């Protein structure tokens, strides 16, 4: 299998992701070898991040292999939420 990059901003036509439902939809519609490209995403809520991490963990995906192009603010948010959850995130 070859991975496919899901450009979240282009697919979902937004630079802001706020709901658990959005996180669930994004991950559940992806194949197991897809990469989530956060280029152009300016904002995510902590609820979105928490659900996104839950979904990728439930699918036994390694965050560091399936997420790319987090801006510095998003990387810090992902790290903070992961720390609360004790998830292995190196954003």
C-alpha atoms as a PDB file:
ATOM      1  CA  UNK A   1       0.000   0.000   0.000  1.00  0.00           C
ATOM      2  CA  UNK A   2       1.133   3.517  -0.650  1.00  0.00           C
ATOM      3  CA  UNK A   3       0.066   6.342   1.556  1.00  0.00           C
ATOM      4  CA  UNK A   4      -2.227   9.039   0.406  1.00  0.00           C
ATOM      5  CA  UNK A   5      -2.071  12.535   1.865  1.00  0.00           C
ATOM      6  CA  UNK A   6      -5.334  14.025   3.055  1.00  0.00           C
ATOM      7  CA  UNK A   7      -5.016  17.795   2.807  1.00  0.00           C
ATOM      8  CA  UNK A   8      -7.497  18.645   5.516  1.00  0.00           C
ATOM      9  CA  UNK A   9      -7.934  22.329   4.625  1.00  0.00           C
ATOM     10  CA  UNK A  10      -8.726  21.502   1.000  1.00  0.00           C
ATOM     11  CA  UNK A  11     -10.968  18.528   1.695  1.00  0.00           C
ATOM     12  CA  UNK A  12     -12.983  20.190   4.456  1.00  0.00           C
ATOM     13  CA  UNK A  13     -12.801  23.772   3.107  1.00  0.00           C
ATOM     14  CA  UNK A  14     -11.892  25.314   6.453  1.00  0.00           C
ATOM     15  CA  UNK A  15      -8.882  26.454   8.423  1.00  0.00           C
ATOM     16  CA  UNK A  16     -10.648  25.924  11.776  1.00  0.00           C
ATOM     17  CA  UNK A  17     -11.536  22.541  13.281  1.00  0.00           C
ATOM     18  CA  UNK A  18     -13.541  22.632  16.469  1.00  0.00           C
ATOM     19  CA  UNK A  19     -15.704  19.567  17.041  1.00  0.00           C
ATOM     20  CA  UNK A  20     -15.197  15.994  18.111  1.00  0.00           C
ATOM     21  CA  UNK A  21     -17.478  14.988  15.253  1.00  0.00           C
ATOM     22  CA  UNK A  22     -15.131  16.590  12.718  1.00  0.00           C
ATOM     23  CA  UNK A  23     -12.146  14.721  14.157  1.00  0.00           C
ATOM     24  CA  UNK A  24     -14.021  11.435  14.099  1.00  0.00           C
ATOM     25  CA  UNK A  25     -15.154  11.968  10.498  1.00  0.00           C
ATOM     26  CA  UNK A  26     -11.670  12.903   9.292  1.00  0.00           C
ATOM     27  CA  UNK A  27     -10.006   9.826  10.768  1.00  0.00           C
ATOM     28  CA  UNK A  28     -12.776   7.335  10.050  1.00  0.00           C
ATOM     29  CA  UNK A  29     -12.914   8.271   6.368  1.00  0.00           C
ATOM     30  CA  UNK A  30      -9.179   7.685   5.953  1.00  0.00           C
ATOM     31  CA  UNK A  31      -7.389   4.488   5.051  1.00  0.00           C
ATOM     32  CA  UNK A  32      -4.913   3.071   7.545  1.00  0.00           C
ATOM     33  CA  UNK A  33      -1.923   4.255   5.509  1.00  0.00           C
ATOM     34  CA  UNK A  34      -3.154   7.810   4.874  1.00  0.00           C
ATOM     35  CA  UNK A  35      -1.298  10.870   6.177  1.00  0.00           C
ATOM     36  CA  UNK A  36      -3.182  13.847   7.624  1.00  0.00           C
ATOM     37  CA  UNK A  37      -1.751  17.128   6.310  1.00  0.00           C
ATOM     38  CA  UNK A  38      -2.604  20.076   8.568  1.00  0.00           C
ATOM     39  CA  UNK A  39      -1.063  22.727   6.260  1.00  0.00           C
ATOM     40  CA  UNK A  40      -3.204  25.863   6.376  1.00  0.00           C
ATOM     41  CA  UNK A  41      -5.119  24.821   9.480  1.00  0.00           C
ATOM     42  CA  UNK A  42      -4.986  27.829  11.803  1.00  0.00           C
ATOM     43  CA  UNK A  43      -7.076  26.619  14.741  1.00  0.00           C
ATOM     44  CA  UNK A  44      -8.257  23.424  16.386  1.00  0.00           C
ATOM     45  CA  UNK A  45     -10.114  23.152  19.658  1.00  0.00           C
ATOM     46  CA  UNK A  46      -8.752  20.930  22.399  1.00  0.00           C
ATOM     47  CA  UNK A  47     -11.900  18.806  21.959  1.00  0.00           C
ATOM     48  CA  UNK A  48     -11.028  18.251  18.300  1.00  0.00           C
ATOM     49  CA  UNK A  49      -7.452  17.296  19.228  1.00  0.00           C
ATOM     50  CA  UNK A  50      -8.581  14.938  21.998  1.00  0.00           C
ATOM     51  CA  UNK A  51     -10.981  13.113  19.667  1.00  0.00           C
ATOM     52  CA  UNK A  52      -8.449  13.057  16.830  1.00  0.00           C
ATOM     53  CA  UNK A  53      -5.912  11.397  19.136  1.00  0.00           C
ATOM     54  CA  UNK A  54      -8.552   8.940  20.370  1.00  0.00           C
ATOM     55  CA  UNK A  55      -9.435   7.979  16.823  1.00  0.00           C
ATOM     56  CA  UNK A  56      -5.862   7.417  15.655  1.00  0.00           C
ATOM     57  CA  UNK A  57      -5.062   5.441  18.817  1.00  0.00           C
ATOM     58  CA  UNK A  58      -8.187   3.304  18.318  1.00  0.00           C
ATOM     59  CA  UNK A  59      -6.885   2.480  14.833  1.00  0.00           C
ATOM     60  CA  UNK A  60      -3.401   1.718  16.214  1.00  0.00           C
ATOM     61  CA  UNK A  61      -1.827   4.492  14.157  1.00  0.00           C
ATOM     62  CA  UNK A  62       1.389   6.222  15.177  1.00  0.00           C
ATOM     63  CA  UNK A  63       0.748   9.972  15.418  1.00  0.00           C
ATOM     64  CA  UNK A  64       4.285  10.786  14.312  1.00  0.00           C
ATOM     65  CA  UNK A  65       3.840   8.786  11.108  1.00  0.00           C
ATOM     66  CA  UNK A  66       0.373   9.996  10.128  1.00  0.00           C
ATOM     67  CA  UNK A  67       0.365  13.739  10.910  1.00  0.00           C
ATOM     68  CA  UNK A  68       2.301  16.384   9.018  1.00  0.00           C
ATOM     69  CA  UNK A  69       2.544  20.167   8.718  1.00  0.00           C
ATOM     70  CA  UNK A  70       1.265  21.231  12.128  1.00  0.00           C
ATOM     71  CA  UNK A  71       1.994  24.914  12.673  1.00  0.00           C
ATOM     72  CA  UNK A  72       3.832  25.697  15.949  1.00  0.00           C
ATOM     73  CA  UNK A  73       0.656  26.669  17.825  1.00  0.00           C
ATOM     74  CA  UNK A  74      -1.139  23.481  16.800  1.00  0.00           C
ATOM     75  CA  UNK A  75       1.918  21.398  17.646  1.00  0.00           C
ATOM     76  CA  UNK A  76       1.904  22.861  21.169  1.00  0.00           C
ATOM     77  CA  UNK A  77      -1.821  22.163  21.543  1.00  0.00           C
ATOM     78  CA  UNK A  78      -1.422  18.564  20.358  1.00  0.00           C
ATOM     79  CA  UNK A  79       1.457  18.107  22.810  1.00  0.00           C
ATOM     80  CA  UNK A  80      -0.541  19.604  25.705  1.00  0.00           C
ATOM     81  CA  UNK A  81      -3.576  17.419  25.028  1.00  0.00           C
ATOM     82  CA  UNK A  82      -1.389  14.353  24.567  1.00  0.00           C
ATOM     83  CA  UNK A  83       0.362  15.075  27.849  1.00  0.00           C
ATOM     84  CA  UNK A  84      -2.995  15.195  29.635  1.00  0.00           C
ATOM     85  CA  UNK A  85      -3.876  11.898  27.965  1.00  0.00           C
ATOM     86  CA  UNK A  86      -0.372  10.451  28.345  1.00  0.00           C
ATOM     87  CA  UNK A  87      -0.219   9.812  24.590  1.00  0.00           C
ATOM     88  CA  UNK A  88       3.092   9.614  22.705  1.00  0.00           C
ATOM     89  CA  UNK A  89       3.062  12.738  20.515  1.00  0.00           C
ATOM     90  CA  UNK A  90       6.204  14.377  19.197  1.00  0.00           C
ATOM     91  CA  UNK A  91       4.785  17.241  17.169  1.00  0.00           C
END
